[in-house]
Amino acid sequence: MITNYQRNISLDEVAQYIGMNRSSFCSFYKREKGKTFFTDLNEYRVDCSCMMLRETNIPIADICFAVGFNDVPHFNRTFKKIKGQSPINYRNNSCK
């Protein structure tokens, strides 16, 4: 996840890499981590975007794609769900 979070990752690809079938991998991951693989992946992507929002002036849309999201509205919704504020508010509040 850490080395490939920027690109589109399929559940089948991850399960095959681990050497499990898709269903077994999902059950194993949820049991071990307490959340789904994609929830964990999105949280990691949002954490990476937070660092970019704090430390750069890169436009939010570019950050969205750089961390592996495929569309800005989905990125904004996911970011707000995880962080409780929009990316622009996060950037404005963290730069004070």
N, C-alpha and C. Protein backbone atom coordinates (compact mmCIF):
# COMPACT_ATOMS: atom_id res chain seq x y z
N MET A 1 0.83 -1.19 0.00
CA MET A 1 0.00 0.00 0.00
C MET A 1 0.88 1.25 0.00
N ILE A 2 1.90 1.27 0.81
CA ILE A 2 2.73 2.46 0.96
C ILE A 2 3.47 2.81 -0.33
N THR A 3 3.90 1.82 -1.05
CA THR A 3 4.65 2.12 -2.27
C THR A 3 3.78 2.27 -3.51
N ASN A 4 2.50 1.90 -3.43
CA ASN A 4 1.64 1.94 -4.60
C ASN A 4 0.36 2.75 -4.41
N TYR A 5 0.26 3.50 -3.33
CA TYR A 5 -0.99 4.20 -3.04
C TYR A 5 -1.37 5.22 -4.11
N GLN A 6 -0.41 5.71 -4.88
CA GLN A 6 -0.69 6.75 -5.87
C GLN A 6 -1.41 6.23 -7.11
N ARG A 7 -1.41 4.94 -7.28
CA ARG A 7 -2.03 4.40 -8.50
C ARG A 7 -3.30 3.64 -8.16
N ASN A 8 -4.04 3.29 -9.19
CA ASN A 8 -5.27 2.53 -9.03
C ASN A 8 -4.92 1.11 -8.59
N ILE A 9 -5.43 0.69 -7.45
CA ILE A 9 -5.13 -0.63 -6.91
C ILE A 9 -6.43 -1.43 -6.85
N SER A 10 -6.41 -2.63 -7.42
CA SER A 10 -7.61 -3.47 -7.38
C SER A 10 -7.50 -4.49 -6.25
N LEU A 11 -8.63 -4.88 -5.74
CA LEU A 11 -8.67 -5.88 -4.68
C LEU A 11 -8.11 -7.21 -5.17
N ASP A 12 -8.41 -7.56 -6.40
CA ASP A 12 -7.88 -8.81 -6.97
C ASP A 12 -6.36 -8.77 -7.03
N GLU A 13 -5.80 -7.65 -7.40
CA GLU A 13 -4.35 -7.50 -7.49
C GLU A 13 -3.70 -7.67 -6.12
N VAL A 14 -4.27 -7.04 -5.11
CA VAL A 14 -3.71 -7.14 -3.75
C VAL A 14 -3.83 -8.56 -3.23
N ALA A 15 -4.99 -9.17 -3.41
CA ALA A 15 -5.20 -10.53 -2.94
C ALA A 15 -4.23 -11.50 -3.61
N GLN A 16 -4.03 -11.32 -4.90
CA GLN A 16 -3.09 -12.18 -5.63
C GLN A 16 -1.67 -11.98 -5.12
N TYR A 17 -1.29 -10.75 -4.87
CA TYR A 17 0.05 -10.44 -4.36
C TYR A 17 0.29 -11.11 -3.01
N ILE A 18 -0.74 -11.12 -2.17
CA ILE A 18 -0.65 -11.72 -0.84
C ILE A 18 -0.73 -13.25 -0.92
N GLY A 19 -1.31 -13.75 -2.00
CA GLY A 19 -1.44 -15.20 -2.16
C GLY A 19 -2.72 -15.74 -1.57
N MET A 20 -3.76 -14.92 -1.55
CA MET A 20 -5.06 -15.34 -1.03
C MET A 20 -6.11 -15.05 -2.10
N ASN A 21 -7.27 -15.71 -1.95
CA ASN A 21 -8.35 -15.31 -2.83
C ASN A 21 -8.97 -14.03 -2.27
N ARG A 22 -9.76 -13.39 -3.09
CA ARG A 22 -10.32 -12.08 -2.76
C ARG A 22 -11.13 -12.09 -1.46
N SER A 23 -12.00 -13.04 -1.33
CA SER A 23 -12.87 -13.12 -0.16
C SER A 23 -12.06 -13.36 1.12
N SER A 24 -11.11 -14.27 1.06
CA SER A 24 -10.28 -14.57 2.22
C SER A 24 -9.45 -13.36 2.63
N PHE A 25 -8.91 -12.66 1.63
CA PHE A 25 -8.12 -11.46 1.93
C PHE A 25 -8.97 -10.41 2.63
N CYS A 26 -10.19 -10.18 2.12
CA CYS A 26 -11.07 -9.17 2.73
C CYS A 26 -11.37 -9.52 4.18
N SER A 27 -11.70 -10.78 4.42
CA SER A 27 -12.00 -11.22 5.79
C SER A 27 -10.78 -11.09 6.69
N PHE A 28 -9.63 -11.53 6.20
CA PHE A 28 -8.39 -11.45 6.97
C PHE A 28 -8.04 -10.00 7.30
N TYR A 29 -8.11 -9.14 6.32
CA TYR A 29 -7.73 -7.73 6.53
C TYR A 29 -8.64 -7.07 7.55
N LYS A 30 -9.93 -7.28 7.40
CA LYS A 30 -10.89 -6.67 8.31
C LYS A 30 -10.71 -7.19 9.73
N ARG A 31 -10.43 -8.48 9.86
CA ARG A 31 -10.21 -9.08 11.18
C ARG A 31 -8.95 -8.52 11.83
N GLU A 32 -7.89 -8.36 11.06
CA GLU A 32 -6.61 -7.90 11.60
C GLU A 32 -6.57 -6.39 11.85
N LYS A 33 -7.14 -5.62 10.95
CA LYS A 33 -7.04 -4.16 11.03
C LYS A 33 -8.30 -3.47 11.56
N GLY A 34 -9.42 -4.18 11.56
CA GLY A 34 -10.66 -3.60 12.05
C GLY A 34 -11.34 -2.69 11.04
N LYS A 35 -10.86 -2.68 9.82
CA LYS A 35 -11.46 -1.89 8.74
C LYS A 35 -11.11 -2.53 7.42
N THR A 36 -11.82 -2.14 6.39
CA THR A 36 -11.57 -2.73 5.08
C THR A 36 -10.26 -2.20 4.49
N PHE A 37 -9.75 -2.92 3.52
CA PHE A 37 -8.53 -2.51 2.85
C PHE A 37 -8.69 -1.12 2.22
N PHE A 38 -9.83 -0.89 1.56
CA PHE A 38 -10.01 0.39 0.88
C PHE A 38 -10.24 1.54 1.85
N THR A 39 -10.84 1.27 2.99
CA THR A 39 -10.95 2.31 4.02
C THR A 39 -9.55 2.69 4.51
N ASP A 40 -8.73 1.70 4.75
CA ASP A 40 -7.36 1.93 5.19
C ASP A 40 -6.55 2.66 4.11
N LEU A 41 -6.71 2.25 2.87
CA LEU A 41 -6.02 2.89 1.75
C LEU A 41 -6.43 4.35 1.62
N ASN A 42 -7.73 4.63 1.70
CA ASN A 42 -8.19 6.01 1.59
C ASN A 42 -7.69 6.86 2.76
N GLU A 43 -7.64 6.30 3.95
CA GLU A 43 -7.11 7.04 5.09
C GLU A 43 -5.63 7.36 4.88
N TYR A 44 -4.89 6.42 4.34
CA TYR A 44 -3.47 6.66 4.05
C TYR A 44 -3.32 7.74 2.98
N ARG A 45 -4.14 7.67 1.95
CA ARG A 45 -4.08 8.68 0.88
C ARG A 45 -4.41 10.07 1.43
N VAL A 46 -5.41 10.16 2.29
CA VAL A 46 -5.78 11.45 2.88
C VAL A 46 -4.65 11.96 3.77
N ASP A 47 -4.02 11.07 4.55
CA ASP A 47 -2.89 11.49 5.38
C ASP A 47 -1.75 12.05 4.51
N CYS A 48 -1.49 11.40 3.39
CA CYS A 48 -0.45 11.91 2.47
C CYS A 48 -0.85 13.26 1.89
N SER A 49 -2.13 13.41 1.57
CA SER A 49 -2.58 14.68 1.02
C SER A 49 -2.47 15.79 2.07
N CYS A 50 -2.69 15.46 3.34
CA CYS A 50 -2.55 16.46 4.41
C CYS A 50 -1.14 17.02 4.45
N MET A 51 -0.17 16.15 4.33
CA MET A 51 1.22 16.61 4.32
C MET A 51 1.46 17.54 3.14
N MET A 52 0.92 17.20 1.99
CA MET A 52 1.11 18.04 0.81
C MET A 52 0.37 19.37 0.96
N LEU A 53 -0.81 19.34 1.57
CA LEU A 53 -1.57 20.58 1.78
C LEU A 53 -0.83 21.51 2.74
N ARG A 54 -0.19 20.95 3.76
CA ARG A 54 0.54 21.77 4.74
C ARG A 54 1.85 22.31 4.18
N GLU A 55 2.54 21.51 3.40
CA GLU A 55 3.93 21.83 3.04
C GLU A 55 4.13 22.35 1.63
N THR A 56 3.07 22.37 0.82
CA THR A 56 3.23 22.86 -0.56
C THR A 56 2.09 23.80 -0.91
N ASN A 57 2.22 24.44 -2.05
CA ASN A 57 1.15 25.26 -2.62
C ASN A 57 0.54 24.59 -3.85
N ILE A 58 0.75 23.30 -3.98
CA ILE A 58 0.21 22.55 -5.11
C ILE A 58 -1.32 22.65 -5.07
N PRO A 59 -1.96 22.89 -6.21
CA PRO A 59 -3.42 22.96 -6.23
C PRO A 59 -4.06 21.67 -5.71
N ILE A 60 -5.19 21.81 -5.06
CA ILE A 60 -5.87 20.66 -4.45
C ILE A 60 -6.19 19.59 -5.49
N ALA A 61 -6.62 19.98 -6.66
CA ALA A 61 -6.92 18.99 -7.70
C ALA A 61 -5.69 18.17 -8.05
N ASP A 62 -4.54 18.80 -8.12
CA ASP A 62 -3.31 18.07 -8.42
C ASP A 62 -2.93 17.13 -7.28
N ILE A 63 -3.15 17.57 -6.05
CA ILE A 63 -2.88 16.71 -4.89
C ILE A 63 -3.81 15.50 -4.93
N CYS A 64 -5.06 15.73 -5.26
CA CYS A 64 -6.04 14.65 -5.38
C CYS A 64 -5.50 13.53 -6.26
N PHE A 65 -5.06 13.88 -7.45
CA PHE A 65 -4.57 12.87 -8.38
C PHE A 65 -3.22 12.31 -7.96
N ALA A 66 -2.39 13.11 -7.33
CA ALA A 66 -1.06 12.67 -6.90
C ALA A 66 -1.14 11.59 -5.82
N VAL A 67 -2.18 11.63 -5.00
CA VAL A 67 -2.30 10.64 -3.93
C VAL A 67 -3.17 9.45 -4.31
N GLY A 68 -3.64 9.39 -5.54
CA GLY A 68 -4.31 8.19 -6.02
C GLY A 68 -5.82 8.26 -6.17
N PHE A 69 -6.42 9.41 -5.91
CA PHE A 69 -7.86 9.54 -6.17
C PHE A 69 -8.05 9.87 -7.64
N ASN A 70 -9.17 9.42 -8.20
CA ASN A 70 -9.41 9.61 -9.63
C ASN A 70 -10.32 10.77 -9.96
N ASP A 71 -11.00 11.34 -8.96
CA ASP A 71 -11.81 12.53 -9.24
C ASP A 71 -11.90 13.41 -7.99
N VAL A 72 -11.95 14.69 -8.23
CA VAL A 72 -11.89 15.68 -7.16
C VAL A 72 -13.10 15.62 -6.23
N PRO A 73 -14.33 15.51 -6.73
CA PRO A 73 -15.46 15.44 -5.80
C PRO A 73 -15.37 14.25 -4.82
N HIS A 74 -14.94 13.10 -5.32
CA HIS A 74 -14.77 11.94 -4.44
C HIS A 74 -13.68 12.20 -3.41
N PHE A 75 -12.58 12.80 -3.84
CA PHE A 75 -11.50 13.17 -2.92
C PHE A 75 -12.02 14.11 -1.83
N ASN A 76 -12.76 15.14 -2.24
CA ASN A 76 -13.27 16.11 -1.28
C ASN A 76 -14.21 15.45 -0.26
N ARG A 77 -15.11 14.58 -0.73
CA ARG A 77 -16.03 13.89 0.17
C ARG A 77 -15.28 12.97 1.14
N THR A 78 -14.33 12.21 0.61
CA THR A 78 -13.56 11.29 1.44
C THR A 78 -12.72 12.05 2.45
N PHE A 79 -12.08 13.12 2.01
CA PHE A 79 -11.26 13.94 2.90
C PHE A 79 -12.12 14.49 4.05
N LYS A 80 -13.28 15.03 3.71
CA LYS A 80 -14.15 15.61 4.73
C LYS A 80 -14.66 14.55 5.71
N LYS A 81 -14.97 13.37 5.19
CA LYS A 81 -15.43 12.28 6.05
C LYS A 81 -14.34 11.87 7.05
N ILE A 82 -13.10 11.84 6.60
CA ILE A 82 -12.00 11.39 7.45
C ILE A 82 -11.50 12.50 8.37
N LYS A 83 -11.37 13.70 7.85
CA LYS A 83 -10.76 14.81 8.62
C LYS A 83 -11.78 15.78 9.22
N GLY A 84 -13.03 15.68 8.82
CA GLY A 84 -14.05 16.56 9.37
C GLY A 84 -14.06 17.96 8.79
N GLN A 85 -13.30 18.18 7.75
CA GLN A 85 -13.27 19.47 7.07
C GLN A 85 -12.80 19.27 5.64
N SER A 86 -13.06 20.23 4.80
CA SER A 86 -12.65 20.13 3.40
C SER A 86 -11.14 20.33 3.28
N PRO A 87 -10.57 19.91 2.16
CA PRO A 87 -9.13 20.12 1.96
C PRO A 87 -8.73 21.60 2.01
N ILE A 88 -9.55 22.48 1.45
CA ILE A 88 -9.20 23.90 1.46
C ILE A 88 -9.24 24.45 2.89
N ASN A 89 -10.22 24.03 3.68
CA ASN A 89 -10.25 24.47 5.08
C ASN A 89 -9.06 23.91 5.85
N TYR A 90 -8.71 22.66 5.57
CA TYR A 90 -7.54 22.06 6.23
C TYR A 90 -6.28 22.87 5.92
N ARG A 91 -6.11 23.20 4.65
CA ARG A 91 -4.93 23.98 4.24
C ARG A 91 -4.94 25.34 4.93
N ASN A 92 -6.06 26.02 4.93
CA ASN A 92 -6.14 27.35 5.54
C ASN A 92 -5.90 27.28 7.04
N ASN A 93 -6.44 26.28 7.71
CA ASN A 93 -6.28 26.16 9.16
C ASN A 93 -4.89 25.71 9.58
N SER A 94 -4.23 24.91 8.75
CA SER A 94 -2.91 24.41 9.12
C SER A 94 -1.80 25.41 8.80
N CYS A 95 -2.10 26.43 8.03
CA CYS A 95 -1.09 27.42 7.68
C CYS A 95 -1.10 28.61 8.61
N LYS A 96 -1.91 28.58 9.64
CA LYS A 96 -1.99 29.70 10.59
C LYS A 96 -0.92 29.61 11.63
